[in-house]
C-alpha cells in the first residue's frame, strides 16, 4: 500500500500517543513519534514506517530540528503534555510549566508545521480533554491548558482554512495508560469511573487512535474546528 504521507505525533512514544501511532501506521501513514527523553525514544519498537526522535516542545530549537526532517506533512498530532497531581499545580512555577508544555507547546508545534501542512493539504489534531469542559480542582493548570487547547483549535481552524489546513481536537476521557495506572489499580476509583461511564469500561489507546485516523482522513474533509469527545459517554452522563 502506498504511503498516505508523513505524520508527526508529539508525545507519541508512549500512552495515548503511541496508540494513535499504531492506528496511523495501520492506515498507511509513515509516522514519526517524539519523546522527551532518550529512554522513551529507545523504547519505541523498530518498524520501517515508524521512527522516533527526541523533542522538547518548550524549546524552539528542538522543534526546528524535528521539523527540518520534513518537506511536507499529512498530519501533525499534538499529544505531548504534563500533569501534576495532588494540588502541586497551585504553585505558580508548576502552573507555568504545565501551560508552557500543554498549551504553548501545542501552539509552537502548529506554527512550525503550518507551511509543511499547507504543502500537503494536511491536518492538525490537538489533544484536549474532558477537563476542557469540566473543572479540575486538583489540577488547575492542566484544566486551564486543555480549555485553552480547545479554543486554540477553533481559532486555528478558522485562521488556516484558506491554507487548506483542517484543525480539530480530540477530548479523551478515562483512558488506561501509564499515566492513569494508579487510578485503574484503585478499586474504588475504578468502579466510580466505570459506574458513570455509559459504555461501562475504561477506554484504551486504540479507541483514541481510530478517531484520529478518521479526523485525518478524506472522510472528515468537511470537519474542522471540532472537538471530539472520546470518553464512552462520560461527559454526557
Protein backbone atom coordinates (compact mmCIF):
# COMPACT_ATOMS: atom_id res chain seq x y z
CA UNK A 1 0.00 0.00 0.00
CA UNK A 2 1.48 3.39 -0.94
CA UNK A 3 2.14 5.76 1.94
CA UNK A 4 -0.60 8.25 2.74
CA UNK A 5 2.07 10.72 3.83
CA UNK A 6 4.25 11.73 6.75
CA UNK A 7 2.78 12.21 10.21
CA UNK A 8 4.38 13.66 13.35
CA UNK A 9 2.93 12.69 16.73
CA UNK A 10 4.36 14.64 19.66
CA UNK A 11 4.42 12.61 22.85
CA UNK A 12 3.80 9.59 20.65
CA UNK A 13 6.46 7.36 22.16
CA UNK A 14 4.03 6.00 24.75
CA UNK A 15 0.48 6.09 26.07
CA UNK A 16 -2.33 7.57 24.03
CA UNK A 17 0.17 8.98 21.52
CA UNK A 18 1.59 5.55 20.77
CA UNK A 19 -1.90 4.11 20.44
CA UNK A 20 -2.56 6.78 17.82
CA UNK A 21 0.74 5.92 16.13
CA UNK A 22 -0.27 2.28 15.77
CA UNK A 23 -3.60 3.27 14.24
CA UNK A 24 -1.94 5.69 11.79
CA UNK A 25 0.57 3.01 10.75
CA UNK A 26 -2.28 0.58 10.10
CA UNK A 27 -3.96 3.28 7.99
CA UNK A 28 -0.89 3.53 5.76
CA UNK A 29 0.99 6.58 7.05
CA UNK A 30 4.70 6.96 7.75
CA UNK A 31 4.85 8.02 11.38
CA UNK A 32 7.42 9.88 13.45
CA UNK A 33 6.77 9.84 17.18
CA UNK A 34 8.58 12.00 19.68
CA UNK A 35 9.66 11.50 23.26
CA UNK A 36 11.17 13.87 25.77
CA UNK A 37 13.93 11.51 26.90
CA UNK A 38 16.37 9.20 25.17
CA UNK A 39 14.87 6.31 27.14
CA UNK A 40 11.41 6.97 25.73
CA UNK A 41 12.75 7.15 22.20
CA UNK A 42 14.85 3.98 22.58
CA UNK A 43 11.80 2.04 23.81
CA UNK A 44 9.83 2.61 20.58
CA UNK A 45 9.70 -0.62 18.53
CA UNK A 46 11.57 -0.66 15.23
CA UNK A 47 9.42 -0.52 12.10
CA UNK A 48 10.23 0.56 8.56
CA UNK A 49 7.36 3.07 8.62
CA UNK A 50 7.92 4.23 12.22
CA UNK A 51 10.69 6.40 13.58
CA UNK A 52 11.25 8.08 16.94
CA UNK A 53 13.10 11.28 17.82
CA UNK A 54 13.62 13.41 20.90
CA UNK A 55 11.61 16.61 21.19
CA UNK A 56 11.06 19.24 23.86
CA UNK A 57 8.04 21.32 22.84
CA UNK A 58 9.19 24.15 25.12
CA UNK A 59 12.41 24.67 23.13
CA UNK A 60 12.10 26.30 19.68
CA UNK A 61 15.45 24.88 18.56
CA UNK A 62 14.31 21.35 19.37
CA UNK A 63 11.12 21.89 17.36
CA UNK A 64 13.13 23.30 14.43
CA UNK A 65 15.40 20.23 14.40
CA UNK A 66 12.41 17.90 14.13
CA UNK A 67 10.58 19.98 11.52
CA UNK A 68 13.72 20.17 9.35
CA UNK A 69 13.27 16.46 8.61
CA UNK A 70 10.16 17.10 6.51
CA UNK A 71 9.30 18.98 3.36
CA UNK A 72 5.57 18.42 3.83
CA UNK A 73 3.30 16.77 6.37
CA UNK A 74 -0.01 14.97 6.03
CA UNK A 75 -0.74 15.48 9.71
CA UNK A 76 0.53 16.89 12.98
CA UNK A 77 -0.92 15.24 16.07
CA UNK A 78 -0.13 17.04 19.32
CA UNK A 79 -0.11 14.66 22.28
CA UNK A 80 2.84 15.92 24.34
CA UNK A 81 1.66 17.00 27.77
CA UNK A 82 2.25 17.03 31.50
CA UNK A 83 0.05 16.95 34.59
CA UNK A 84 0.97 17.37 38.27
CA UNK A 85 -1.49 15.92 40.76
CA UNK A 86 -2.21 16.42 44.49
CA UNK A 87 -2.55 20.19 44.25
CA UNK A 88 1.00 20.81 43.01
CA UNK A 89 -0.31 22.97 40.17
CA UNK A 90 -1.25 25.70 42.63
CA UNK A 91 2.47 26.56 42.77
CA UNK A 92 2.88 29.29 40.16
CA UNK A 93 6.12 27.87 38.73
CA UNK A 94 4.42 24.49 38.24
CA UNK A 95 1.33 26.16 36.79
CA UNK A 96 3.51 27.97 34.25
CA UNK A 97 5.35 24.76 33.34
CA UNK A 98 2.10 22.95 32.56
CA UNK A 99 0.80 25.81 30.42
CA UNK A 100 4.13 26.04 28.59
CA UNK A 101 4.07 22.36 27.63
CA UNK A 102 0.39 21.68 27.07
CA UNK A 103 -0.85 24.91 25.53
CA UNK A 104 2.10 26.99 24.34
CA UNK A 105 3.92 23.84 23.22
CA UNK A 106 0.92 22.92 21.08
CA UNK A 107 0.93 26.39 19.53
CA UNK A 108 4.69 26.22 18.86
CA UNK A 109 4.27 22.95 17.00
CA UNK A 110 1.30 24.17 14.98
CA UNK A 111 3.10 27.32 13.86
CA UNK A 112 6.27 25.40 12.95
CA UNK A 113 4.33 22.79 10.97
CA UNK A 114 1.98 25.18 9.17
CA UNK A 115 3.94 25.62 5.90
CA UNK A 116 4.63 21.89 5.66
CA UNK A 117 0.98 21.06 6.24
CA UNK A 118 -0.11 23.65 3.68
CA UNK A 119 2.03 21.97 1.01
CA UNK A 120 0.21 18.68 1.55
CA UNK A 121 -3.28 19.95 2.39
CA UNK A 122 -2.62 18.42 5.77
CA UNK A 123 -4.46 18.41 9.06
CA UNK A 124 -3.79 19.05 12.75
CA UNK A 125 -5.28 17.04 15.60
CA UNK A 126 -4.71 18.55 19.04
CA UNK A 127 -5.30 16.79 22.34
CA UNK A 128 -7.87 18.48 24.54
CA UNK A 129 -9.51 16.62 27.44
CA UNK A 130 -12.79 16.10 29.22
CA UNK A 131 -11.32 18.76 31.55
CA UNK A 132 -11.69 21.17 28.64
CA UNK A 133 -15.35 21.12 29.71
CA UNK A 134 -15.22 20.34 33.47
CA UNK A 135 -13.40 21.94 36.37
CA UNK A 136 -10.43 20.04 37.79
CA UNK A 137 -9.97 21.22 41.39
CA UNK A 138 -6.65 19.42 41.94
CA UNK A 139 -5.19 20.21 38.50
CA UNK A 140 -5.98 23.86 37.72
CA UNK A 141 -3.10 24.28 35.27
CA UNK A 142 -3.92 21.12 33.34
CA UNK A 143 -7.58 22.13 33.21
CA UNK A 144 -6.74 25.64 32.05
CA UNK A 145 -4.31 24.35 29.45
CA UNK A 146 -6.84 21.93 27.99
CA UNK A 147 -9.54 24.59 27.91
CA UNK A 148 -7.02 26.71 26.04
CA UNK A 149 -6.24 23.90 23.60
CA UNK A 150 -9.94 23.66 22.77
CA UNK A 151 -10.19 27.37 21.97
CA UNK A 152 -6.83 27.41 20.18
CA UNK A 153 -8.07 24.60 17.95
CA UNK A 154 -11.13 26.60 16.95
CA UNK A 155 -9.07 29.74 16.30
CA UNK A 156 -6.53 27.99 14.09
CA UNK A 157 -9.28 26.16 12.21
CA UNK A 158 -10.73 29.49 11.18
CA UNK A 159 -7.39 31.20 10.56
CA UNK A 160 -5.81 28.45 8.48
CA UNK A 161 -8.76 27.22 6.46
CA UNK A 162 -7.58 29.34 3.47
CA UNK A 163 -4.35 27.30 3.54
CA UNK A 164 -6.37 24.09 3.20
CA UNK A 165 -5.38 23.02 6.73
CA UNK A 166 -8.06 21.44 8.87
CA UNK A 167 -7.61 21.75 12.65
CA UNK A 168 -9.55 19.56 15.09
CA UNK A 169 -9.07 18.19 18.58
CA UNK A 170 -9.83 15.03 20.48
CA UNK A 171 -11.03 15.13 24.08
CA UNK A 172 -10.18 11.78 25.65
CA UNK A 173 -11.93 10.62 28.79
CA UNK A 174 -10.62 7.94 31.13
CA UNK A 175 -8.07 6.01 29.07
CA UNK A 176 -5.98 3.22 30.62
CA UNK A 177 -2.33 4.25 30.22
CA UNK A 178 0.80 4.55 32.36
CA UNK A 179 -0.44 7.99 33.46
CA UNK A 180 -3.69 6.59 34.85
CA UNK A 181 -2.31 3.29 36.18
CA UNK A 182 -2.79 4.29 39.82
CA UNK A 183 -6.46 5.04 39.21
CA UNK A 184 -7.00 1.77 37.33
CA UNK A 185 -5.41 -0.07 40.26
CA UNK A 186 -7.62 1.73 42.81
CA UNK A 187 -10.75 -0.42 43.02
CA UNK A 188 -12.90 2.38 44.42
CA UNK A 189 -11.90 4.98 41.82
CA UNK A 190 -12.06 2.39 39.04
CA UNK A 191 -15.61 1.42 39.99
CA UNK A 192 -16.68 5.07 40.33
CA UNK A 193 -15.42 5.93 36.85
CA UNK A 194 -16.93 2.84 35.21
CA UNK A 195 -20.18 3.46 37.06
CA UNK A 196 -20.58 6.91 35.48
CA UNK A 197 -19.43 5.83 32.00
CA UNK A 198 -22.40 4.67 29.89
CA UNK A 199 -20.28 2.16 27.95
CA UNK A 200 -19.19 0.67 31.31
CA UNK A 201 -15.47 0.39 30.72
CA UNK A 202 -12.28 2.40 30.58
CA UNK A 203 -11.03 3.42 27.18
CA UNK A 204 -7.90 2.07 25.55
CA UNK A 205 -5.35 3.96 23.41
CA UNK A 206 -6.67 2.10 20.35
CA UNK A 207 -10.08 3.68 20.92
CA UNK A 208 -8.48 7.09 20.53
CA UNK A 209 -6.40 6.03 17.53
CA UNK A 210 -9.41 5.15 15.41
CA UNK A 211 -10.97 8.56 15.95
CA UNK A 212 -7.74 10.32 14.98
CA UNK A 213 -7.46 8.27 11.79
CA UNK A 214 -10.96 9.45 10.89
CA UNK A 215 -10.14 13.11 11.56
CA UNK A 216 -7.05 12.85 9.34
CA UNK A 217 -8.88 11.06 6.55
CA UNK A 218 -10.76 12.19 3.46
CA UNK A 219 -13.93 11.04 5.22
CA UNK A 220 -13.54 14.08 7.50
CA UNK A 221 -12.77 16.54 4.70
CA UNK A 222 -15.57 18.90 5.81
CA UNK A 223 -14.73 18.70 9.51
CA UNK A 224 -12.67 21.49 11.06
CA UNK A 225 -12.81 23.31 14.39
CA UNK A 226 -14.42 20.27 16.01
CA UNK A 227 -13.68 18.93 19.50
CA UNK A 228 -14.43 15.19 19.53
CA UNK A 229 -15.03 13.58 22.93
CA UNK A 230 -13.71 10.03 23.18
CA UNK A 231 -15.00 9.14 26.62
CA UNK A 232 -17.52 6.33 26.41
CA UNK A 233 -20.29 8.85 27.09
CA UNK A 234 -18.80 10.10 30.38
CA UNK A 235 -19.40 13.77 29.61
CA UNK A 236 -22.99 13.09 28.61
CA UNK A 237 -23.87 11.17 31.77
